Amino acid sequence: MATKESEVGGSAIRVDAALVRAIGFWALAASVLNNTVGGGVFENPGSLAKDLGAFAPYVMFLGALVFIPIALCFSAAGSRIHATGGAYSYVAAAFGPFAGYVIASFLWISNVAASGAIAASLSDQAAYFVPGLANPLPRDAFIVAAYLFLIAINARGVKIGARAIMVLATIKLTPLIVLAIVGLFYIHPTNLHVGAIPPMSIIASSMGLVLFAYSGMETALLPSGEVRNPSSVVPKATLTAILLVVLVYVGLQVVAQGVLGNALAGNKSPLAEVAGLIAPAFRMVLLFAASVSLFGFMQNDIFGSSRLLYALARDGYLPSPLARITTTHRVPLLAVVLYAIVATVLAIKGEFTSLALFSGKAICLVYIGVCIASWYLQRRDVRGEGKPFMLHGGPIIPLVGCTSMVWILSTMSSAEWIALGGALVVVVIVYGIVRWLRGTNALPDGD
């Protein structure tokens, strides 16, 4: 017998009724693209080639094989649970509030670290056009201004935010697709020759960067309470976008390796260099596309991740004002502002590489949670309105997804384990405090 979604997440669904379901197939697909094709696409080809050489395109393809089961699990869970919160709502519906809260915490940590990393990288890209932005004070002012602009966009409502995502996705993807296609005619076949295959330990370690490049759909699916017909739209938009991302990423890695050869290793702007070899003016187009791509990621991230703060406040884990919806545009504005403030501080104080690596490792735990939840929700036949997306083979696809994430986590250093372990301890302590405050009626339950 099927279990209704309202039986496992009724409170969230009732509260989410205040939101506007204005995100359709194209807007959600663009959102997944925007949050996946971020800054990594412009730096990863050189970073991967540094350790893997001509074998890097194969590892990028291997990353796609690893990531597709994760995308299938998100599609299945998202077609069954329609409340705002994405991975948090899926896991909470399957295994209860504590499991959902832990997943939400690591998702938020991963997202805000990624946003800070991308904002820091955006300031570096902008310095190509305005050299003065390389200085500390103008750089910080630029980051603050970028987030203020994003707050203004998102304050105007979900329709404006969704349209901005579609426009930014189109602007940044067009030159990348052109480069991937035209660049094929400039490849030197000898540059693609693989000598010795790198050790498995190097391949596994490099998968962290590959995963960071492919990740992003989890943020795009956070505003599920604002998606029209989610049972159909979520799986179709997610899988369509991920397949396009795979084609673009693998194609660009092949082109970069085939054109630059050994010069690709460690190159900080390999795609711009490839474009410059094809046509000098094309290099500036790629640099501009890189800036748009980074800003598009930030827009998509603040649009989605602010809804995670909203969902946590809605369910009583954060102060209730963060769950308030503005009367005119139906937006959780305080959640948007708070997220922007934290991301701004990280961008100013941190730097791209360290923030990106931490984000990539933390997200593995979220993916494991969603893989298990997708199998459990399907097993219980939890469903909302509409026909859910089915995972064929029972637990096989979720098991493949979990195994690949454990493999990547096995490459973490002791310092990274300590950082994630410390974060988990803090998360558990905060959860205990919230439960205690609920018991003393000192904190509203968000319902």
Protein backbone atom coordinates (compact mmCIF):
# COMPACT_ATOMS: atom_id res chain seq x y z
CA MET A 1 0.00 0.00 0.00
CA ALA A 2 1.37 3.41 -0.95
CA THR A 3 2.27 5.90 1.77
CA LYS A 4 1.18 9.47 1.10
CA GLU A 5 3.84 12.16 1.22
CA SER A 6 1.66 14.12 3.63
CA GLU A 7 1.98 11.28 6.16
CA VAL A 8 5.78 11.71 6.36
CA GLY A 9 6.10 15.44 5.82
CA GLY A 10 2.72 16.96 6.45
CA SER A 11 3.95 19.97 8.43
CA ALA A 12 6.46 20.94 5.77
CA ILE A 13 3.89 20.59 3.01
CA ARG A 14 1.35 22.77 4.82
CA VAL A 15 3.90 25.52 5.43
CA ASP A 16 5.23 25.32 1.86
CA ALA A 17 1.74 26.10 0.57
CA ALA A 18 2.69 29.75 1.13
CA LEU A 19 5.35 29.46 -1.57
CA VAL A 20 4.68 29.93 -5.29
CA ARG A 21 5.20 26.91 -7.58
CA ALA A 22 6.66 28.85 -10.49
CA ILE A 23 9.67 26.69 -11.49
CA GLY A 24 9.04 24.59 -14.58
CA PHE A 25 11.16 22.13 -16.58
CA TRP A 26 13.39 24.65 -18.34
CA ALA A 27 13.96 26.78 -15.24
CA LEU A 28 14.89 23.74 -13.13
CA ALA A 29 17.13 22.29 -15.85
CA ALA A 30 18.85 25.68 -16.17
CA SER A 31 19.21 25.79 -12.40
CA VAL A 32 20.95 22.39 -12.35
CA LEU A 33 23.21 23.51 -15.21
CA ASN A 34 23.99 26.82 -13.52
CA ASN A 35 24.95 25.21 -10.25
CA THR A 36 26.93 22.40 -11.86
CA VAL A 37 28.81 24.27 -14.57
CA GLY A 38 30.46 26.73 -12.20
CA GLY A 39 34.05 27.80 -11.77
CA GLY A 40 35.35 24.22 -11.83
CA VAL A 41 34.88 23.85 -15.58
CA PHE A 42 37.43 26.62 -16.22
CA GLU A 43 40.10 25.39 -13.77
CA ASN A 44 39.60 21.64 -13.47
CA PRO A 45 41.11 20.62 -16.85
CA GLY A 46 44.50 21.98 -15.79
CA SER A 47 44.23 20.70 -12.22
CA LEU A 48 43.35 17.17 -13.34
CA ALA A 49 46.07 17.07 -15.98
CA LYS A 50 48.66 18.03 -13.36
CA ASP A 51 48.34 14.61 -11.69
CA LEU A 52 46.80 12.51 -14.45
CA GLY A 53 48.29 13.83 -17.69
CA ALA A 54 46.57 12.55 -20.83
CA PHE A 55 44.55 10.12 -18.69
CA ALA A 56 42.48 13.02 -17.29
CA PRO A 57 39.66 12.78 -19.90
CA TYR A 58 39.13 9.16 -18.90
CA VAL A 59 38.88 10.12 -15.24
CA MET A 60 36.36 12.83 -16.12
CA PHE A 61 34.31 10.16 -17.91
CA LEU A 62 34.74 7.83 -14.93
CA GLY A 63 33.41 10.64 -12.75
CA ALA A 64 30.30 10.76 -14.93
CA LEU A 65 29.75 7.02 -14.43
CA VAL A 66 30.13 7.56 -10.68
CA PHE A 67 27.79 10.54 -10.62
CA ILE A 68 24.92 9.26 -12.78
CA PRO A 69 23.67 6.81 -10.08
CA ILE A 70 23.65 9.76 -7.65
CA ALA A 71 21.56 11.79 -10.12
CA LEU A 72 19.15 8.87 -10.51
CA CYS A 73 18.71 8.65 -6.72
CA PHE A 74 18.04 12.39 -6.45
CA SER A 75 15.51 12.12 -9.28
CA ALA A 76 13.72 9.25 -7.58
CA ALA A 77 13.61 10.89 -4.14
CA GLY A 78 12.67 14.30 -5.57
CA SER A 79 9.76 12.80 -7.49
CA ARG A 80 8.32 11.43 -4.23
CA ILE A 81 9.01 14.23 -1.72
CA HIS A 82 7.83 17.66 -2.89
CA ALA A 83 8.57 19.82 0.16
CA THR A 84 11.24 22.53 0.10
CA GLY A 85 14.57 21.30 1.46
CA GLY A 86 15.80 18.87 -1.19
CA ALA A 87 18.16 16.28 0.31
CA TYR A 88 17.17 17.37 3.82
CA SER A 89 13.49 16.68 3.17
CA TYR A 90 14.21 13.36 1.43
CA VAL A 91 16.33 11.98 4.29
CA ALA A 92 14.05 13.37 7.01
CA ALA A 93 11.02 11.76 5.34
CA ALA A 94 12.81 8.42 5.19
CA PHE A 95 14.67 8.27 8.51
CA GLY A 96 13.35 11.00 10.75
CA PRO A 97 14.34 14.50 11.88
CA PHE A 98 17.81 13.76 13.31
CA ALA A 99 19.10 12.12 10.12
CA GLY A 100 17.57 14.91 8.04
CA TYR A 101 19.13 17.57 10.25
CA VAL A 102 22.61 16.02 9.95
CA ILE A 103 22.32 15.85 6.16
CA ALA A 104 21.01 19.43 6.03
CA SER A 105 23.95 20.64 8.12
CA PHE A 106 26.56 19.05 5.86
CA LEU A 107 24.72 20.24 2.76
CA TRP A 108 24.68 23.79 4.10
CA ILE A 109 28.36 23.61 5.08
CA SER A 110 29.27 22.30 1.64
CA ASN A 111 27.17 24.89 -0.18
CA VAL A 112 28.30 27.96 1.73
CA ALA A 113 31.95 26.87 1.38
CA ALA A 114 31.43 26.42 -2.36
CA SER A 115 29.74 29.82 -2.66
CA GLY A 116 32.62 31.49 -0.85
CA ALA A 117 35.11 29.70 -3.10
CA ILE A 118 33.31 30.76 -6.28
CA ALA A 119 32.93 34.37 -5.10
CA ALA A 120 36.67 34.51 -4.39
CA SER A 121 37.35 33.11 -7.86
CA LEU A 122 34.93 35.63 -9.42
CA SER A 123 36.91 38.50 -7.94
CA ASP A 124 40.07 37.04 -9.51
CA GLN A 125 38.38 36.76 -12.91
CA ALA A 126 37.05 40.31 -12.67
CA ALA A 127 40.61 41.52 -12.05
CA TYR A 128 41.43 40.55 -15.67
CA PHE A 129 39.07 43.30 -16.80
CA VAL A 130 39.64 45.75 -13.92
CA PRO A 131 43.21 45.24 -12.61
CA GLY A 132 42.53 47.40 -9.55
CA LEU A 133 40.28 44.64 -8.17
CA ALA A 134 43.40 42.60 -7.41
CA ASN A 135 44.02 44.86 -4.40
CA PRO A 136 42.48 43.72 -1.07
CA LEU A 137 40.06 46.58 -0.39
CA PRO A 138 38.56 46.84 -3.91
CA ARG A 139 38.40 43.04 -4.02
CA ASP A 140 36.38 42.90 -0.79
CA ALA A 141 34.11 45.70 -1.95
CA PHE A 142 33.50 43.86 -5.21
CA ILE A 143 32.48 40.68 -3.35
CA VAL A 144 30.12 42.62 -1.08
CA ALA A 145 28.56 44.39 -4.07
CA ALA A 146 28.06 41.07 -5.90
CA TYR A 147 26.14 39.58 -2.98
CA LEU A 148 24.08 42.75 -2.50
CA PHE A 149 23.08 42.53 -6.14
CA LEU A 150 22.11 38.87 -5.69
CA ILE A 151 19.99 39.74 -2.65
CA ALA A 152 18.20 42.39 -4.72
CA ILE A 153 17.48 39.88 -7.52
CA ASN A 154 16.15 37.22 -5.18
CA ALA A 155 14.07 39.68 -3.16
CA ARG A 156 11.96 40.26 -6.27
CA GLY A 157 10.54 36.74 -6.14
CA VAL A 158 11.02 33.23 -7.45
CA LYS A 159 10.01 34.11 -11.03
CA ILE A 160 12.70 36.79 -11.33
CA GLY A 161 15.27 34.49 -9.73
CA ALA A 162 14.38 31.63 -12.07
CA ARG A 163 14.56 33.90 -15.15
CA ALA A 164 17.98 35.18 -14.06
CA ILE A 165 19.17 31.58 -13.77
CA MET A 166 17.97 30.74 -17.30
CA VAL A 167 19.63 33.84 -18.81
CA LEU A 168 22.94 33.22 -17.03
CA ALA A 169 22.93 29.53 -18.00
CA THR A 170 22.43 30.42 -21.68
CA ILE A 171 25.17 33.07 -21.69
CA LYS A 172 27.80 30.85 -20.12
CA LEU A 173 26.97 27.54 -21.83
CA THR A 174 26.94 28.84 -25.41
CA PRO A 175 30.68 29.64 -25.70
CA LEU A 176 31.59 26.43 -23.84
CA ILE A 177 29.59 24.29 -26.25
CA VAL A 178 31.09 26.17 -29.21
CA LEU A 179 34.60 25.63 -27.82
CA ALA A 180 33.96 21.91 -27.23
CA ILE A 181 32.81 21.47 -30.84
CA VAL A 182 35.19 23.80 -32.72
CA GLY A 183 38.15 22.73 -30.56
CA LEU A 184 37.87 19.18 -31.91
CA PHE A 185 39.29 20.43 -35.23
CA TYR A 186 42.44 21.78 -33.49
CA ILE A 187 43.34 18.62 -31.56
CA HIS A 188 46.77 17.04 -32.02
CA PRO A 189 46.14 13.27 -31.66
CA THR A 190 49.57 12.67 -30.12
CA ASN A 191 48.56 14.86 -27.16
CA LEU A 192 45.85 12.33 -26.30
CA HIS A 193 48.23 9.38 -26.17
CA VAL A 194 48.27 7.80 -22.71
CA GLY A 195 51.55 6.29 -21.56
CA ALA A 196 51.45 4.61 -18.19
CA ILE A 197 48.09 4.64 -16.40
CA PRO A 198 48.37 6.58 -13.11
CA PRO A 199 48.21 4.59 -9.83
CA MET A 200 44.71 3.92 -8.51
CA SER A 201 45.47 6.05 -5.43
CA ILE A 202 46.08 9.09 -7.67
CA ILE A 203 42.92 8.41 -9.66
CA ALA A 204 40.84 8.07 -6.48
CA SER A 205 42.30 11.26 -5.01
CA SER A 206 41.58 13.18 -8.22
CA MET A 207 37.95 12.08 -8.06
CA GLY A 208 37.44 14.68 -5.33
CA LEU A 209 37.96 17.46 -7.88
CA VAL A 210 35.83 15.64 -10.42
CA LEU A 211 33.02 15.30 -7.90
CA PHE A 212 33.23 19.02 -7.09
CA ALA A 213 32.89 19.72 -10.82
CA TYR A 214 29.82 17.52 -11.24
CA SER A 215 28.08 18.47 -7.98
CA GLY A 216 25.40 21.14 -7.89
CA MET A 217 22.05 19.48 -8.52
CA GLU A 218 21.53 19.07 -4.77
CA THR A 219 21.37 22.86 -4.44
CA ALA A 220 19.15 23.29 -7.49
CA LEU A 221 16.63 20.88 -5.94
CA LEU A 222 16.42 22.67 -2.59
CA PRO A 223 13.46 24.89 -3.63
CA SER A 224 11.31 21.83 -4.46
CA GLY A 225 8.31 23.50 -2.85
CA GLU A 226 8.39 26.00 -5.71
CA VAL A 227 8.56 23.46 -8.58
CA ARG A 228 5.48 22.81 -10.71
CA ASN A 229 4.47 19.14 -11.03
CA PRO A 230 7.64 17.90 -9.24
CA SER A 231 6.91 14.18 -9.80
CA SER A 232 7.51 14.71 -13.51
CA VAL A 233 9.63 17.86 -13.69
CA VAL A 234 12.31 16.96 -11.10
CA PRO A 235 13.56 13.71 -12.73
CA LYS A 236 13.27 14.96 -16.32
CA ALA A 237 15.01 18.28 -15.68
CA THR A 238 17.70 16.78 -13.46
CA LEU A 239 18.70 13.94 -15.78
CA THR A 240 18.54 16.12 -18.91
CA ALA A 241 20.82 18.71 -17.34
CA ILE A 242 23.29 16.13 -15.97
CA LEU A 243 23.62 14.40 -19.36
CA LEU A 244 24.37 17.76 -21.01
CA VAL A 245 26.91 18.56 -18.28
CA VAL A 246 28.69 15.23 -18.86
CA LEU A 247 28.95 15.90 -22.61
CA VAL A 248 30.31 19.42 -22.03
CA TYR A 249 32.80 18.42 -19.30
CA VAL A 250 34.23 15.38 -21.09
CA GLY A 251 34.33 17.26 -24.40
CA LEU A 252 36.19 20.22 -22.91
CA GLN A 253 38.70 17.97 -21.12
CA VAL A 254 39.43 16.15 -24.39
CA VAL A 255 39.78 19.42 -26.31
CA ALA A 256 42.03 21.02 -23.68
CA GLN A 257 44.29 17.96 -23.56
CA GLY A 258 44.30 17.51 -27.32
CA VAL A 259 45.16 21.16 -28.06
CA LEU A 260 47.55 22.02 -25.21
CA GLY A 261 49.16 18.67 -24.49
CA ASN A 262 51.75 18.86 -21.71
CA ALA A 263 51.11 22.61 -21.35
CA LEU A 264 47.71 21.79 -19.87
CA ALA A 265 49.13 20.47 -16.58
CA GLY A 266 48.61 23.05 -13.84
CA ASN A 267 47.29 25.69 -16.27
CA LYS A 268 45.02 28.11 -14.36
CA SER A 269 42.99 29.22 -17.40
CA PRO A 270 43.29 26.40 -19.95
CA LEU A 271 39.99 26.98 -21.74
CA ALA A 272 40.78 30.65 -22.33
CA GLU A 273 44.19 29.62 -23.68
CA VAL A 274 42.62 27.08 -26.05
CA ALA A 275 40.15 29.73 -27.21
CA GLY A 276 43.02 32.17 -27.77
CA LEU A 277 44.79 29.65 -30.02
CA ILE A 278 41.63 29.30 -32.10
CA ALA A 279 40.96 33.06 -32.31
CA PRO A 280 42.51 35.77 -30.08
CA ALA A 281 39.16 37.52 -29.58
CA PHE A 282 37.63 34.22 -28.45
CA ARG A 283 39.91 34.27 -25.39
CA MET A 284 38.18 37.37 -24.04
CA VAL A 285 34.82 35.75 -24.74
CA LEU A 286 35.84 32.77 -22.59
CA LEU A 287 37.10 35.01 -19.80
CA PHE A 288 33.77 36.83 -19.85
CA ALA A 289 31.92 33.50 -19.91
CA ALA A 290 33.96 32.40 -16.90
CA SER A 291 32.83 35.46 -14.96
CA VAL A 292 29.20 34.90 -15.96
CA SER A 293 29.51 31.24 -15.02
CA LEU A 294 30.83 32.07 -11.57
CA PHE A 295 28.14 34.68 -10.98
CA GLY A 296 25.50 32.27 -12.27
CA PHE A 297 26.65 29.69 -9.74
CA MET A 298 26.38 32.26 -6.95
CA GLN A 299 22.85 33.21 -8.05
CA ASN A 300 21.73 29.62 -8.22
CA ASP A 301 23.38 28.82 -4.90
CA ILE A 302 21.83 31.69 -2.95
CA PHE A 303 18.47 30.95 -4.60
CA GLY A 304 18.57 27.30 -3.51
CA SER A 305 20.59 27.32 -0.30
CA SER A 306 18.52 30.08 1.30
CA ARG A 307 15.59 27.64 1.02
CA LEU A 308 17.56 25.17 3.13
CA LEU A 309 17.77 27.75 5.91
CA TYR A 310 14.05 28.36 5.40
CA ALA A 311 13.32 24.62 5.68
CA LEU A 312 15.38 24.25 8.86
CA ALA A 313 13.59 27.24 10.41
CA ARG A 314 10.24 25.91 9.19
CA ASP A 315 10.92 22.69 11.10
CA GLY A 316 12.14 24.43 14.25
CA TYR A 317 15.92 23.94 14.03
CA LEU A 318 16.65 27.61 13.39
CA PRO A 319 14.91 30.78 14.62
CA SER A 320 11.41 31.03 13.15
CA PRO A 321 11.92 34.48 11.47
CA LEU A 322 14.07 32.71 8.86
CA ALA A 323 10.93 30.85 7.74
CA ARG A 324 8.89 34.01 7.21
CA ILE A 325 7.73 34.64 3.65
CA THR A 326 7.47 38.19 2.34
CA THR A 327 3.91 39.26 1.59
CA THR A 328 4.48 40.73 -1.87
CA HIS A 329 6.95 38.38 -3.56
CA ARG A 330 6.59 35.25 -1.38
CA VAL A 331 10.32 34.96 -0.64
CA PRO A 332 12.13 33.88 2.59
CA LEU A 333 14.09 37.14 2.50
CA LEU A 334 15.79 36.86 5.91
CA ALA A 335 17.13 33.44 4.91
CA VAL A 336 18.47 34.93 1.68
CA VAL A 337 20.22 37.76 3.53
CA LEU A 338 21.73 35.53 6.23
CA TYR A 339 23.12 33.08 3.69
CA ALA A 340 24.63 35.94 1.67
CA ILE A 341 26.32 37.37 4.77
CA VAL A 342 28.00 34.07 5.72
CA ALA A 343 29.12 33.42 2.14
CA THR A 344 30.51 36.96 1.87
CA VAL A 345 32.63 36.49 4.99
CA LEU A 346 34.02 33.17 3.71
CA ALA A 347 34.82 34.67 0.31
CA ILE A 348 36.69 37.58 1.87
CA LYS A 349 38.59 35.49 4.43
CA GLY A 350 39.16 32.29 2.45
CA GLU A 351 40.56 31.19 -0.89
CA PHE A 352 39.25 29.02 -3.72
CA THR A 353 41.19 25.76 -3.41
CA SER A 354 40.77 25.03 0.30
CA LEU A 355 37.07 25.96 0.29
CA ALA A 356 36.38 23.93 -2.87
CA LEU A 357 38.10 20.78 -1.59
CA PHE A 358 36.26 20.89 1.74
CA SER A 359 32.98 21.42 -0.08
CA GLY A 360 33.62 18.45 -2.38
CA LYS A 361 34.36 16.05 0.48
CA ALA A 362 31.45 17.17 2.69
CA ILE A 363 28.95 16.65 -0.11
CA CYS A 364 29.83 12.94 -0.30
CA LEU A 365 28.03 12.40 3.01
CA VAL A 366 24.93 14.12 1.63
CA TYR A 367 24.97 11.89 -1.46
CA ILE A 368 25.21 8.74 0.66
CA GLY A 369 22.19 9.88 2.69
CA VAL A 370 20.11 10.57 -0.42
CA CYS A 371 21.05 7.27 -2.07
CA ILE A 372 19.87 5.30 0.96
CA ALA A 373 16.75 7.48 1.36
CA SER A 374 15.76 7.04 -2.30
CA TRP A 375 15.78 3.26 -1.91
CA TYR A 376 13.83 3.39 1.37
CA LEU A 377 11.19 5.81 0.05
CA GLN A 378 10.66 3.63 -3.02
CA ARG A 379 10.48 0.50 -0.88
CA ARG A 380 7.75 2.12 1.26
CA ASP A 381 6.18 3.57 -1.89
CA VAL A 382 6.02 7.05 -0.42
CA ARG A 383 4.54 9.39 -3.03
CA GLY A 384 2.89 12.75 -3.52
CA GLU A 385 0.73 13.76 -6.45
CA GLY A 386 1.71 12.25 -9.78
CA LYS A 387 3.63 9.12 -10.78
CA PRO A 388 7.10 8.92 -9.14
CA PHE A 389 10.34 8.10 -10.94
CA MET A 390 11.31 4.44 -10.37
CA LEU A 391 14.77 3.04 -9.67
CA HIS A 392 14.91 -0.35 -11.37
CA GLY A 393 16.90 -3.12 -9.74
CA GLY A 394 15.84 -2.39 -6.18
CA PRO A 395 18.85 -1.36 -4.06
CA ILE A 396 21.45 -1.80 -6.84
CA ILE A 397 21.65 1.82 -8.05
CA PRO A 398 21.69 3.33 -4.51
CA LEU A 399 24.34 0.75 -3.52
CA VAL A 400 26.53 1.73 -6.48
CA GLY A 401 26.16 5.40 -5.55
CA CYS A 402 27.06 4.78 -1.89
CA THR A 403 30.05 2.61 -2.79
CA SER A 404 31.52 5.26 -5.08
CA MET A 405 31.16 7.94 -2.40
CA VAL A 406 32.84 5.72 0.22
CA TRP A 407 35.66 5.16 -2.27
CA ILE A 408 36.19 8.92 -2.63
CA LEU A 409 35.96 9.48 1.14
CA SER A 410 38.66 6.82 1.64
CA THR A 411 41.17 9.20 0.05
CA MET A 412 40.66 11.91 2.67
CA SER A 413 43.60 12.99 4.79
CA SER A 414 43.53 12.81 8.58
CA ALA A 415 43.17 16.60 8.73
CA GLU A 416 40.07 16.43 6.50
CA TRP A 417 38.56 13.68 8.64
CA ILE A 418 39.19 15.74 11.75
CA ALA A 419 37.49 18.76 10.14
CA LEU A 420 34.43 16.74 9.10
CA GLY A 421 34.35 14.91 12.43
CA GLY A 422 34.52 18.21 14.30
CA ALA A 423 31.69 19.57 12.19
CA LEU A 424 29.60 16.48 12.98
CA VAL A 425 30.20 16.92 16.72
CA VAL A 426 29.07 20.54 16.55
CA VAL A 427 25.99 19.53 14.53
CA VAL A 428 24.99 16.90 17.10
CA ILE A 429 25.50 19.32 20.00
CA VAL A 430 23.36 21.97 18.31
CA TYR A 431 20.65 19.38 17.64
CA GLY A 432 20.65 18.43 21.32
CA ILE A 433 20.36 22.07 22.37
CA VAL A 434 17.47 22.63 19.96
CA ARG A 435 15.64 19.56 21.29
CA TRP A 436 16.16 20.82 24.85
CA LEU A 437 14.89 24.30 23.96
CA ARG A 438 11.86 22.75 22.29
CA GLY A 439 11.16 20.84 25.47
CA THR A 440 11.22 24.08 27.46
CA ASN A 441 9.16 25.90 24.79
CA ALA A 442 12.01 28.38 24.37
CA LEU A 443 12.14 27.83 20.63
CA PRO A 444 9.17 27.79 18.26
CA ASP A 445 8.73 24.53 16.39
CA GLY A 446 8.33 26.25 13.04
CA ASP A 447 4.93 24.72 12.27
